[in-house]
């Protein structure tokens, strides 16, 4: 998914910034990553509070193949529910849930080092 499409998708949520990472993109709002773009798919952050809502809506949790010994690794990111994909208001509500999970995780983006 290109950056313009990502900005359009989250237009109702507010200003987002996009940074390339891990072969995909991190999607940030107010310095917190709340979504990822991986393989052309948007994944929203969830936690113990919000993951049940994503599961109940039919979202799929992102699982990637870890090292052979460790096996598959479930990540705290979920697909946007199919029912919300074409509904800007619904996408905005799910983005808010993802941002709230990011706030609870307390991980701020690292500040850029100043060049001297």
PDB file of N, CA and C in Angstrom:
ATOM      1  N   UNK A   1       0.864  -1.170   0.000  1.00  0.00           N
ATOM      2  CA  UNK A   1       0.000   0.000   0.000  1.00  0.00           C
ATOM      3  C   UNK A   1       0.913   1.236   0.000  1.00  0.00           C
ATOM      4  N   UNK A   2       0.628   2.182  -0.871  1.00  0.00           N
ATOM      5  CA  UNK A   2       1.494   3.362  -0.912  1.00  0.00           C
ATOM      6  C   UNK A   2       1.115   4.355   0.196  1.00  0.00           C
ATOM      7  N   UNK A   3       2.028   5.288   0.450  1.00  0.00           N
ATOM      8  CA  UNK A   3       1.852   6.239   1.549  1.00  0.00           C
ATOM      9  C   UNK A   3       0.584   7.079   1.407  1.00  0.00           C
ATOM     10  N   UNK A   4       0.255   7.488   0.184  1.00  0.00           N
ATOM     11  CA  UNK A   4      -0.954   8.295  -0.015  1.00  0.00           C
ATOM     12  C   UNK A   4      -2.205   7.519   0.390  1.00  0.00           C
ATOM     13  N   UNK A   5      -2.254   6.240   0.042  1.00  0.00           N
ATOM     14  CA  UNK A   5      -3.407   5.414   0.405  1.00  0.00           C
ATOM     15  C   UNK A   5      -3.506   5.255   1.923  1.00  0.00           C
ATOM     16  N   UNK A   6      -2.364   5.148   2.589  1.00  0.00           N
ATOM     17  CA  UNK A   6      -2.360   5.041   4.056  1.00  0.00           C
ATOM     18  C   UNK A   6      -2.873   6.340   4.673  1.00  0.00           C
ATOM     19  N   UNK A   7      -2.388   7.471   4.168  1.00  0.00           N
ATOM     20  CA  UNK A   7      -2.878   8.765   4.669  1.00  0.00           C
ATOM     21  C   UNK A   7      -4.387   8.898   4.450  1.00  0.00           C
ATOM     22  N   UNK A   8      -4.858   8.482   3.285  1.00  0.00           N
ATOM     23  CA  UNK A   8      -6.298   8.538   3.004  1.00  0.00           C
ATOM     24  C   UNK A   8      -7.087   7.641   3.951  1.00  0.00           C
ATOM     25  N   UNK A   9      -6.568   6.441   4.203  1.00  0.00           N
ATOM     26  CA  UNK A   9      -7.252   5.487   5.074  1.00  0.00           C
ATOM     27  C   UNK A   9      -7.464   6.066   6.468  1.00  0.00           C
ATOM     28  N   UNK A  10      -6.464   6.772   6.978  1.00  0.00           N
ATOM     29  CA  UNK A  10      -6.536   7.295   8.343  1.00  0.00           C
ATOM     30  C   UNK A  10      -6.866   8.784   8.410  1.00  0.00           C
ATOM     31  N   UNK A  11      -7.381   9.353   7.329  1.00  0.00           N
ATOM     32  CA  UNK A  11      -7.692  10.783   7.283  1.00  0.00           C
ATOM     33  C   UNK A  11      -8.648  11.197   8.399  1.00  0.00           C
ATOM     34  N   UNK A  12      -9.621  10.388   8.717  1.00  0.00           N
ATOM     35  CA  UNK A  12     -10.579  10.718   9.767  1.00  0.00           C
ATOM     36  C   UNK A  12     -10.004  10.612  11.170  1.00  0.00           C
ATOM     37  N   UNK A  13      -8.889   9.914  11.304  1.00  0.00           N
ATOM     38  CA  UNK A  13      -8.256   9.721  12.601  1.00  0.00           C
ATOM     39  C   UNK A  13      -7.358  10.890  12.972  1.00  0.00           C
ATOM     40  N   UNK A  14      -6.708  11.471  11.996  1.00  0.00           N
ATOM     41  CA  UNK A  14      -5.797  12.584  12.264  1.00  0.00           C
ATOM     42  C   UNK A  14      -4.494  12.386  11.512  1.00  0.00           C
ATOM     43  N   UNK A  15      -3.555  13.260  11.803  1.00  0.00           N
ATOM     44  CA  UNK A  15      -2.267  13.241  11.102  1.00  0.00           C
ATOM     45  C   UNK A  15      -1.478  11.989  11.471  1.00  0.00           C
ATOM     46  N   UNK A  16      -0.996  11.293  10.454  1.00  0.00           N
ATOM     47  CA  UNK A  16      -0.128  10.148  10.672  1.00  0.00           C
ATOM     48  C   UNK A  16       1.183  10.364   9.927  1.00  0.00           C
ATOM     49  N   UNK A  17       2.230   9.774  10.460  1.00  0.00           N
ATOM     50  CA  UNK A  17       3.518   9.763   9.775  1.00  0.00           C
ATOM     51  C   UNK A  17       3.871   8.310   9.503  1.00  0.00           C
ATOM     52  N   UNK A  18       4.644   8.102   8.465  1.00  0.00           N
ATOM     53  CA  UNK A  18       4.969   6.764   8.013  1.00  0.00           C
ATOM     54  C   UNK A  18       6.483   6.635   7.916  1.00  0.00           C
ATOM     55  N   UNK A  19       7.006   5.556   8.481  1.00  0.00           N
ATOM     56  CA  UNK A  19       8.445   5.288   8.424  1.00  0.00           C
ATOM     57  C   UNK A  19       8.658   3.851   7.972  1.00  0.00           C
ATOM     58  N   UNK A  20       9.611   3.670   7.082  1.00  0.00           N
ATOM     59  CA  UNK A  20       9.933   2.322   6.627  1.00  0.00           C
ATOM     60  C   UNK A  20      10.615   1.557   7.760  1.00  0.00           C
ATOM     61  N   UNK A  21      10.196   0.289   7.924  1.00  0.00           N
ATOM     62  CA  UNK A  21      10.822  -0.544   8.940  1.00  0.00           C
ATOM     63  C   UNK A  21      10.568  -2.018   8.651  1.00  0.00           C
ATOM     64  N   UNK A  22      11.535  -2.876   8.899  1.00  0.00           N
ATOM     65  CA  UNK A  22      11.386  -4.329   8.824  1.00  0.00           C
ATOM     66  C   UNK A  22      10.713  -4.810   7.535  1.00  0.00           C
ATOM     67  N   UNK A  23      11.030  -4.214   6.424  1.00  0.00           N
ATOM     68  CA  UNK A  23      10.422  -4.636   5.175  1.00  0.00           C
ATOM     69  C   UNK A  23       8.993  -4.154   4.997  1.00  0.00           C
ATOM     70  N   UNK A  24       8.509  -3.345   5.914  1.00  0.00           N
ATOM     71  CA  UNK A  24       7.166  -2.780   5.831  1.00  0.00           C
ATOM     72  C   UNK A  24       7.213  -1.317   6.231  1.00  0.00           C
ATOM     73  N   UNK A  25       6.155  -0.874   6.873  1.00  0.00           N
ATOM     74  CA  UNK A  25       6.083   0.527   7.297  1.00  0.00           C
ATOM     75  C   UNK A  25       5.455   0.603   8.679  1.00  0.00           C
ATOM     76  N   UNK A  26       5.996   1.488   9.504  1.00  0.00           N
ATOM     77  CA  UNK A  26       5.387   1.816  10.776  1.00  0.00           C
ATOM     78  C   UNK A  26       4.516   3.037  10.568  1.00  0.00           C
ATOM     79  N   UNK A  27       3.324   3.033  11.144  1.00  0.00           N
ATOM     80  CA  UNK A  27       2.390   4.154  11.000  1.00  0.00           C
ATOM     81  C   UNK A  27       2.212   4.761  12.390  1.00  0.00           C
ATOM     82  N   UNK A  28       2.535   6.041  12.509  1.00  0.00           N
ATOM     83  CA  UNK A  28       2.593   6.727  13.794  1.00  0.00           C
ATOM     84  C   UNK A  28       1.544   7.824  13.894  1.00  0.00           C
ATOM     85  N   UNK A  29       1.104   8.064  15.111  1.00  0.00           N
ATOM     86  CA  UNK A  29       0.243   9.203  15.436  1.00  0.00           C
ATOM     87  C   UNK A  29       0.775   9.768  16.746  1.00  0.00           C
ATOM     88  N   UNK A  30       1.084  11.043  16.768  1.00  0.00           N
ATOM     89  CA  UNK A  30       1.649  11.695  17.953  1.00  0.00           C
ATOM     90  C   UNK A  30       2.840  10.941  18.528  1.00  0.00           C
ATOM     91  N   UNK A  31       3.715  10.440  17.646  1.00  0.00           N
ATOM     92  CA  UNK A  31       4.950   9.799  18.074  1.00  0.00           C
ATOM     93  C   UNK A  31       4.831   8.353  18.494  1.00  0.00           C
ATOM     94  N   UNK A  32       3.646   7.775  18.409  1.00  0.00           N
ATOM     95  CA  UNK A  32       3.452   6.376  18.795  1.00  0.00           C
ATOM     96  C   UNK A  32       3.053   5.536  17.591  1.00  0.00           C
ATOM     97  N   UNK A  33       3.675   4.386  17.445  1.00  0.00           N
ATOM     98  CA  UNK A  33       3.290   3.478  16.373  1.00  0.00           C
ATOM     99  C   UNK A  33       2.000   2.772  16.788  1.00  0.00           C
ATOM    100  N   UNK A  34       0.977   2.907  15.953  1.00  0.00           N
ATOM    101  CA  UNK A  34      -0.315   2.291  16.249  1.00  0.00           C
ATOM    102  C   UNK A  34      -0.733   1.317  15.153  1.00  0.00           C
ATOM    103  N   UNK A  35       0.030   1.299  14.068  1.00  0.00           N
ATOM    104  CA  UNK A  35      -0.296   0.413  12.951  1.00  0.00           C
ATOM    105  C   UNK A  35       0.961   0.097  12.159  1.00  0.00           C
ATOM    106  N   UNK A  36       0.896  -0.986  11.414  1.00  0.00           N
ATOM    107  CA  UNK A  36       1.966  -1.384  10.508  1.00  0.00           C
ATOM    108  C   UNK A  36       1.368  -1.676   9.142  1.00  0.00           C
ATOM    109  N   UNK A  37       2.187  -1.528   8.129  1.00  0.00           N
ATOM    110  CA  UNK A  37       1.843  -2.006   6.801  1.00  0.00           C
ATOM    111  C   UNK A  37       2.860  -3.099   6.507  1.00  0.00           C
ATOM    112  N   UNK A  38       2.370  -4.316   6.311  1.00  0.00           N
ATOM    113  CA  UNK A  38       3.232  -5.459   6.039  1.00  0.00           C
ATOM    114  C   UNK A  38       2.640  -6.226   4.867  1.00  0.00           C
ATOM    115  N   UNK A  39       3.418  -6.374   3.828  1.00  0.00           N
ATOM    116  CA  UNK A  39       2.947  -7.131   2.670  1.00  0.00           C
ATOM    117  C   UNK A  39       1.698  -6.558   2.035  1.00  0.00           C
ATOM    118  N   UNK A  40       1.542  -5.244   2.098  1.00  0.00           N
ATOM    119  CA  UNK A  40       0.382  -4.584   1.502  1.00  0.00           C
ATOM    120  C   UNK A  40      -0.854  -4.573   2.385  1.00  0.00           C
ATOM    121  N   UNK A  41      -0.746  -5.114   3.588  1.00  0.00           N
ATOM    122  CA  UNK A  41      -1.883  -5.185   4.507  1.00  0.00           C
ATOM    123  C   UNK A  41      -1.647  -4.268   5.709  1.00  0.00           C
ATOM    124  N   UNK A  42      -2.682  -3.594   6.140  1.00  0.00           N
ATOM    125  CA  UNK A  42      -2.606  -2.734   7.324  1.00  0.00           C
ATOM    126  C   UNK A  42      -2.967  -3.557   8.554  1.00  0.00           C
ATOM    127  N   UNK A  43      -2.133  -3.447   9.573  1.00  0.00           N
ATOM    128  CA  UNK A  43      -2.324  -4.147  10.842  1.00  0.00           C
ATOM    129  C   UNK A  43      -2.385  -3.122  11.960  1.00  0.00           C
ATOM    130  N   UNK A  44      -3.358  -3.249  12.843  1.00  0.00           N
ATOM    131  CA  UNK A  44      -3.553  -2.302  13.934  1.00  0.00           C
ATOM    132  C   UNK A  44      -3.086  -2.907  15.252  1.00  0.00           C
ATOM    133  N   UNK A  45      -2.456  -2.084  16.085  1.00  0.00           N
ATOM    134  CA  UNK A  45      -1.951  -2.531  17.377  1.00  0.00           C
ATOM    135  C   UNK A  45      -3.109  -2.875  18.312  1.00  0.00           C
ATOM    136  N   UNK A  46      -2.926  -3.944  19.073  1.00  0.00           N
ATOM    137  CA  UNK A  46      -3.909  -4.339  20.078  1.00  0.00           C
ATOM    138  C   UNK A  46      -3.157  -4.825  21.309  1.00  0.00           C
ATOM    139  N   UNK A  47      -3.864  -4.945  22.396  1.00  0.00           N
ATOM    140  CA  UNK A  47      -3.287  -5.447  23.639  1.00  0.00           C
ATOM    141  C   UNK A  47      -4.342  -6.296  24.341  1.00  0.00           C
ATOM    142  N   UNK A  48      -4.078  -6.657  25.585  1.00  0.00           N
ATOM    143  CA  UNK A  48      -5.013  -7.513  26.319  1.00  0.00           C
ATOM    144  C   UNK A  48      -6.396  -6.879  26.444  1.00  0.00           C
ATOM    145  N   UNK A  49      -6.445  -5.554  26.451  1.00  0.00           N
ATOM    146  CA  UNK A  49      -7.723  -4.844  26.572  1.00  0.00           C
ATOM    147  C   UNK A  49      -8.507  -4.881  25.261  1.00  0.00           C
ATOM    148  N   UNK A  50      -7.830  -4.639  24.144  1.00  0.00           N
ATOM    149  CA  UNK A  50      -8.535  -4.483  22.871  1.00  0.00           C
ATOM    150  C   UNK A  50      -8.507  -5.712  21.958  1.00  0.00           C
ATOM    151  N   UNK A  51      -7.585  -6.628  22.168  1.00  0.00           N
ATOM    152  CA  UNK A  51      -7.503  -7.807  21.295  1.00  0.00           C
ATOM    153  C   UNK A  51      -8.818  -8.592  21.233  1.00  0.00           C
ATOM    154  N   UNK A  52      -9.540  -8.755  22.352  1.00  0.00           N
ATOM    155  CA  UNK A  52     -10.822  -9.469  22.250  1.00  0.00           C
ATOM    156  C   UNK A  52     -11.816  -8.792  21.297  1.00  0.00           C
ATOM    157  N   UNK A  53     -11.783  -7.458  21.225  1.00  0.00           N
ATOM    158  CA  UNK A  53     -12.661  -6.741  20.297  1.00  0.00           C
ATOM    159  C   UNK A  53     -12.288  -7.043  18.847  1.00  0.00           C
ATOM    160  N   UNK A  54     -10.978  -7.061  18.568  1.00  0.00           N
ATOM    161  CA  UNK A  54     -10.524  -7.382  17.215  1.00  0.00           C
ATOM    162  C   UNK A  54     -10.926  -8.816  16.862  1.00  0.00           C
ATOM    163  N   UNK A  55     -10.705  -9.740  17.783  1.00  0.00           N
ATOM    164  CA  UNK A  55     -11.058 -11.142  17.530  1.00  0.00           C
ATOM    165  C   UNK A  55     -12.557 -11.306  17.291  1.00  0.00           C
ATOM    166  N   UNK A  56     -13.368 -10.631  18.099  1.00  0.00           N
ATOM    167  CA  UNK A  56     -14.828 -10.726  17.962  1.00  0.00           C
ATOM    168  C   UNK A  56     -15.308 -10.158  16.627  1.00  0.00           C
ATOM    169  N   UNK A  57     -14.567  -9.193  16.080  1.00  0.00           N
ATOM    170  CA  UNK A  57     -14.946  -8.580  14.806  1.00  0.00           C
ATOM    171  C   UNK A  57     -14.428  -9.377  13.607  1.00  0.00           C
ATOM    172  N   UNK A  58     -13.731 -10.495  13.879  1.00  0.00           N
ATOM    173  CA  UNK A  58     -13.245 -11.329  12.788  1.00  0.00           C
ATOM    174  C   UNK A  58     -11.864 -10.974  12.270  1.00  0.00           C
ATOM    175  N   UNK A  59     -11.154 -10.100  12.974  1.00  0.00           N
ATOM    176  CA  UNK A  59      -9.791  -9.755  12.571  1.00  0.00           C
ATOM    177  C   UNK A  59      -8.871 -10.947  12.785  1.00  0.00           C
ATOM    178  N   UNK A  60      -7.763 -10.941  12.061  1.00  0.00           N
ATOM    179  CA  UNK A  60      -6.740 -11.977  12.226  1.00  0.00           C
ATOM    180  C   UNK A  60      -5.499 -11.369  12.867  1.00  0.00           C
ATOM    181  N   UNK A  61      -4.943 -12.082  13.825  1.00  0.00           N
ATOM    182  CA  UNK A  61      -3.711 -11.617  14.458  1.00  0.00           C
ATOM    183  C   UNK A  61      -2.534 -11.932  13.541  1.00  0.00           C
ATOM    184  N   UNK A  62      -1.568 -11.017  13.496  1.00  0.00           N
ATOM    185  CA  UNK A  62      -0.382 -11.211  12.669  1.00  0.00           C
ATOM    186  C   UNK A  62       0.543 -12.202  13.359  1.00  0.00           C
ATOM    187  N   UNK A  63       0.860 -13.268  12.650  1.00  0.00           N
ATOM    188  CA  UNK A  63       1.788 -14.278  13.138  1.00  0.00           C
ATOM    189  C   UNK A  63       2.864 -14.445  12.075  1.00  0.00           C
ATOM    190  N   UNK A  64       4.124 -14.346  12.484  1.00  0.00           N
ATOM    191  CA  UNK A  64       5.181 -14.564  11.507  1.00  0.00           C
ATOM    192  C   UNK A  64       6.022 -15.751  11.931  1.00  0.00           C
ATOM    193  N   UNK A  65       6.685 -16.333  10.951  1.00  0.00           N
ATOM    194  CA  UNK A  65       7.517 -17.496  11.229  1.00  0.00           C
ATOM    195  C   UNK A  65       8.784 -17.033  11.935  1.00  0.00           C
ATOM    196  N   UNK A  66       8.951 -17.471  13.161  1.00  0.00           N
ATOM    197  CA  UNK A  66      10.157 -17.156  13.914  1.00  0.00           C
ATOM    198  C   UNK A  66      11.258 -18.127  13.536  1.00  0.00           C
ATOM    199  N   UNK A  67      12.288 -18.154  14.332  1.00  0.00           N
ATOM    200  CA  UNK A  67      13.375 -19.096  14.106  1.00  0.00           C
ATOM    201  C   UNK A  67      12.834 -20.509  14.249  1.00  0.00           C
ATOM    202  N   UNK A  68      13.451 -21.448  13.581  1.00  0.00           N
ATOM    203  CA  UNK A  68      12.969 -22.831  13.558  1.00  0.00           C
ATOM    204  C   UNK A  68      12.704 -23.375  14.958  1.00  0.00           C
ATOM    205  N   UNK A  69      13.562 -23.064  15.896  1.00  0.00           N
ATOM    206  CA  UNK A  69      13.393 -23.553  17.260  1.00  0.00           C
ATOM    207  C   UNK A  69      12.185 -22.929  17.947  1.00  0.00           C
ATOM    208  N   UNK A  70      11.986 -21.656  17.726  1.00  0.00           N
ATOM    209  CA  UNK A  70      10.916 -20.922  18.415  1.00  0.00           C
ATOM    210  C   UNK A  70       9.553 -21.128  17.771  1.00  0.00           C
ATOM    211  N   UNK A  71       9.532 -21.346  16.473  1.00  0.00           N
ATOM    212  CA  UNK A  71       8.256 -21.518  15.773  1.00  0.00           C
ATOM    213  C   UNK A  71       7.570 -20.191  15.511  1.00  0.00           C
ATOM    214  N   UNK A  72       6.275 -20.222  15.162  1.00  0.00           N
ATOM    215  CA  UNK A  72       5.529 -18.998  14.846  1.00  0.00           C
ATOM    216  C   UNK A  72       5.467 -18.049  16.050  1.00  0.00           C
ATOM    217  N   UNK A  73       5.508 -16.751  15.745  1.00  0.00           N
ATOM    218  CA  UNK A  73       5.466 -15.731  16.784  1.00  0.00           C
ATOM    219  C   UNK A  73       4.238 -14.845  16.556  1.00  0.00           C
ATOM    220  N   UNK A  74       3.335 -14.816  17.524  1.00  0.00           N
ATOM    221  CA  UNK A  74       2.143 -13.962  17.436  1.00  0.00           C
ATOM    222  C   UNK A  74       2.518 -12.552  17.858  1.00  0.00           C
ATOM    223  N   UNK A  75       2.213 -11.597  17.031  1.00  0.00           N
ATOM    224  CA  UNK A  75       2.523 -10.194  17.294  1.00  0.00           C
ATOM    225  C   UNK A  75       1.255  -9.467  17.741  1.00  0.00           C
ATOM    226  N   UNK A  76       1.426  -8.327  18.438  1.00  0.00           N
ATOM    227  CA  UNK A  76       0.251  -7.603  18.940  1.00  0.00           C
ATOM    228  C   UNK A  76      -0.399  -6.702  17.884  1.00  0.00           C
ATOM    229  N   UNK A  77      -0.512  -7.198  16.669  1.00  0.00           N
ATOM    230  CA  UNK A  77      -1.120  -6.441  15.575  1.00  0.00           C
ATOM    231  C   UNK A  77      -2.170  -7.312  14.903  1.00  0.00           C
ATOM    232  N   UNK A  78      -3.280  -6.685  14.550  1.00  0.00           N
ATOM    233  CA  UNK A  78      -4.433  -7.381  13.977  1.00  0.00           C
ATOM    234  C   UNK A  78      -4.875  -6.686  12.701  1.00  0.00           C
ATOM    235  N   UNK A  79      -5.470  -7.459  11.798  1.00  0.00           N
ATOM    236  CA  UNK A  79      -6.012  -6.877  10.571  1.00  0.00           C
ATOM    237  C   UNK A  79      -7.203  -5.979  10.904  1.00  0.00           C
ATOM    238  N   UNK A  80      -7.471  -5.048  10.024  1.00  0.00           N
ATOM    239  CA  UNK A  80      -8.674  -4.228  10.152  1.00  0.00           C
ATOM    240  C   UNK A  80      -9.856  -5.149   9.855  1.00  0.00           C
ATOM    241  N   UNK A  81     -10.892  -5.135  10.674  1.00  0.00           N
ATOM    242  CA  UNK A  81     -12.044  -6.001  10.399  1.00  0.00           C
ATOM    243  C   UNK A  81     -12.591  -5.746   8.992  1.00  0.00           C
ATOM    244  N   UNK A  82     -12.946  -6.824   8.300  1.00  0.00           N
ATOM    245  CA  UNK A  82     -13.459  -6.698   6.931  1.00  0.00           C
ATOM    246  C   UNK A  82     -14.630  -5.722   6.845  1.00  0.00           C
ATOM    247  N   UNK A  83     -15.480  -5.705   7.867  1.00  0.00           N
ATOM    248  CA  UNK A  83     -16.660  -4.831   7.856  1.00  0.00           C
ATOM    249  C   UNK A  83     -16.286  -3.353   7.905  1.00  0.00           C
ATOM    250  N   UNK A  84     -15.056  -3.046   8.323  1.00  0.00           N
ATOM    251  CA  UNK A  84     -14.644  -1.649   8.468  1.00  0.00           C
ATOM    252  C   UNK A  84     -13.810  -1.134   7.307  1.00  0.00           C
ATOM    253  N   UNK A  85     -13.294  -2.023   6.481  1.00  0.00           N
ATOM    254  CA  UNK A  85     -12.348  -1.629   5.439  1.00  0.00           C
ATOM    255  C   UNK A  85     -12.879  -0.518   4.538  1.00  0.00           C
ATOM    256  N   UNK A  86     -14.136  -0.558   4.162  1.00  0.00           N
ATOM    257  CA  UNK A  86     -14.692   0.441   3.253  1.00  0.00           C
ATOM    258  C   UNK A  86     -15.540   1.491   3.963  1.00  0.00           C
ATOM    259  N   UNK A  87     -15.399   1.597   5.271  1.00  0.00           N
ATOM    260  CA  UNK A  87     -16.183   2.548   6.055  1.00  0.00           C
ATOM    261  C   UNK A  87     -15.241   3.446   6.852  1.00  0.00           C
ATOM    262  N   UNK A  88     -15.104   4.695   6.408  1.00  0.00           N
ATOM    263  CA  UNK A  88     -14.146   5.617   7.015  1.00  0.00           C
ATOM    264  C   UNK A  88     -14.381   5.811   8.514  1.00  0.00           C
ATOM    265  N   UNK A  89     -15.641   5.875   8.933  1.00  0.00           N
ATOM    266  CA  UNK A  89     -15.939   6.056  10.360  1.00  0.00           C
ATOM    267  C   UNK A  89     -15.508   4.835  11.166  1.00  0.00           C
ATOM    268  N   UNK A  90     -15.763   3.648  10.637  1.00  0.00           N
ATOM    269  CA  UNK A  90     -15.354   2.431  11.336  1.00  0.00           C
ATOM    270  C   UNK A  90     -13.832   2.322  11.423  1.00  0.00           C
ATOM    271  N   UNK A  91     -13.139   2.628  10.322  1.00  0.00           N
ATOM    272  CA  UNK A  91     -11.677   2.588  10.343  1.00  0.00           C
ATOM    273  C   UNK A  91     -11.154   3.551  11.404  1.00  0.00           C
ATOM    274  N   UNK A  92     -11.758   4.716  11.504  1.00  0.00           N
ATOM    275  CA  UNK A  92     -11.342   5.698  12.503  1.00  0.00           C
ATOM    276  C   UNK A  92     -11.527   5.147  13.913  1.00  0.00           C
ATOM    277  N   UNK A  93     -12.627   4.473  14.181  1.00  0.00           N
ATOM    278  CA  UNK A  93     -12.856   3.891  15.510  1.00  0.00           C
ATOM    279  C   UNK A  93     -11.819   2.812  15.824  1.00  0.00           C
ATOM    280  N   UNK A  94     -11.504   1.959  14.852  1.00  0.00           N
ATOM    281  CA  UNK A  94     -10.502   0.921  15.075  1.00  0.00           C
ATOM    282  C   UNK A  94      -9.114   1.534  15.251  1.00  0.00           C
ATOM    283  N   UNK A  95      -8.824   2.607  14.510  1.00  0.00           N
ATOM    284  CA  UNK A  95      -7.539   3.299  14.672  1.00  0.00           C
ATOM    285  C   UNK A  95      -7.434   3.883  16.082  1.00  0.00           C
ATOM    286  N   UNK A  96      -8.528   4.414  16.607  1.00  0.00           N
ATOM    287  CA  UNK A  96      -8.510   4.936  17.984  1.00  0.00           C
ATOM    288  C   UNK A  96      -8.207   3.827  18.991  1.00  0.00           C
ATOM    289  N   UNK A  97      -8.832   2.665  18.800  1.00  0.00           N
ATOM    290  CA  UNK A  97      -8.544   1.531  19.681  1.00  0.00           C
ATOM    291  C   UNK A  97      -7.058   1.151  19.615  1.00  0.00           C
ATOM    292  N   UNK A  98      -6.509   1.156  18.410  1.00  0.00           N
ATOM    293  CA  UNK A  98      -5.099   0.822  18.230  1.00  0.00           C
ATOM    294  C   UNK A  98      -4.203   1.866  18.897  1.00  0.00           C
ATOM    295  N   UNK A  99      -4.563   3.126  18.753  1.00  0.00           N
ATOM    296  CA  UNK A  99      -3.771   4.191  19.376  1.00  0.00           C
ATOM    297  C   UNK A  99      -3.852   4.098  20.902  1.00  0.00           C
ATOM    298  N   UNK A 100      -5.019   3.772  21.431  1.00  0.00           N
ATOM    299  CA  UNK A 100      -5.158   3.603  22.884  1.00  0.00           C
ATOM    300  C   UNK A 100      -4.273   2.461  23.377  1.00  0.00           C
ATOM    301  N   UNK A 101      -4.164   1.382  22.596  1.00  0.00           N
ATOM    302  CA  UNK A 101      -3.268   0.281  22.958  1.00  0.00           C
ATOM    303  C   UNK A 101      -1.823   0.751  22.944  1.00  0.00           C
ATOM    304  N   UNK A 102      -1.478   1.594  21.967  1.00  0.00           N
ATOM    305  CA  UNK A 102      -0.121   2.150  21.907  1.00  0.00           C
ATOM    306  C   UNK A 102       0.153   3.030  23.122  1.00  0.00           C
ATOM    307  N   UNK A 103      -0.837   3.816  23.527  1.00  0.00           N
ATOM    308  CA  UNK A 103      -0.677   4.649  24.722  1.00  0.00           C
ATOM    309  C   UNK A 103      -0.449   3.788  25.967  1.00  0.00           C
ATOM    310  N   UNK A 104      -1.197   2.709  26.078  1.00  0.00           N
ATOM    311  CA  UNK A 104      -1.040   1.829  27.236  1.00  0.00           C
ATOM    312  C   UNK A 104       0.321   1.155  27.256  1.00  0.00           C
ATOM    313  N   UNK A 105       0.866   0.882  26.074  1.00  0.00           N
ATOM    314  CA  UNK A 105       2.171   0.220  26.024  1.00  0.00           C
ATOM    315  C   UNK A 105       3.291   1.174  26.414  1.00  0.00           C
ATOM    316  N   UNK A 106       3.029   2.480  26.271  1.00  0.00           N
ATOM    317  CA  UNK A 106       3.976   3.495  26.728  1.00  0.00           C
ATOM    318  C   UNK A 106       5.260   3.605  25.951  1.00  0.00           C
ATOM    319  N   UNK A 107       5.284   3.088  24.747  1.00  0.00           N
ATOM    320  CA  UNK A 107       6.513   3.152  23.957  1.00  0.00           C
ATOM    321  C   UNK A 107       6.469   4.336  23.015  1.00  0.00           C
ATOM    322  N   UNK A 108       7.252   5.325  23.344  1.00  0.00           N
ATOM    323  CA  UNK A 108       7.366   6.512  22.489  1.00  0.00           C
ATOM    324  C   UNK A 108       8.390   6.253  21.398  1.00  0.00           C
ATOM    325  N   UNK A 109       8.245   6.925  20.290  1.00  0.00           N
ATOM    326  CA  UNK A 109       9.247   6.849  19.238  1.00  0.00           C
ATOM    327  C   UNK A 109      10.530   7.473  19.762  1.00  0.00           C
ATOM    328  N   UNK A 110      11.651   6.898  19.361  1.00  0.00           N
ATOM    329  CA  UNK A 110      12.928   7.435  19.809  1.00  0.00           C
ATOM    330  C   UNK A 110      13.155   8.791  19.160  1.00  0.00           C
ATOM    331  N   UNK A 111      13.581   9.785  19.961  1.00  0.00           N
ATOM    332  CA  UNK A 111      13.853  11.095  19.356  1.00  0.00           C
ATOM    333  C   UNK A 111      15.075  11.015  18.447  1.00  0.00           C
ATOM    334  N   UNK A 112      15.036  11.784  17.387  1.00  0.00           N
ATOM    335  CA  UNK A 112      16.173  11.798  16.475  1.00  0.00           C
ATOM    336  C   UNK A 112      17.342  12.508  17.131  1.00  0.00           C
ATOM    337  N   UNK A 113      18.525  11.994  16.887  1.00  0.00           N
ATOM    338  CA  UNK A 113      19.729  12.629  17.430  1.00  0.00           C
ATOM    339  C   UNK A 113      20.016  13.885  16.625  1.00  0.00           C
ATOM    340  N   UNK A 114      20.379  14.931  17.310  1.00  0.00           N
ATOM    341  CA  UNK A 114      20.687  16.167  16.599  1.00  0.00           C
ATOM    342  C   UNK A 114      22.099  16.076  16.054  1.00  0.00           C
ATOM    343  N   UNK A 115      22.288  16.640  14.896  1.00  0.00           N
ATOM    344  CA  UNK A 115      23.611  16.650  14.270  1.00  0.00           C
ATOM    345  C   UNK A 115      24.342  17.903  14.694  1.00  0.00           C
ATOM    346  N   UNK A 116      25.563  17.729  15.036  1.00  0.00           N
ATOM    347  CA  UNK A 116      26.378  18.888  15.458  1.00  0.00           C
ATOM    348  C   UNK A 116      27.480  19.145  14.499  1.00  0.00           C
TER     349      UNK A 116
END
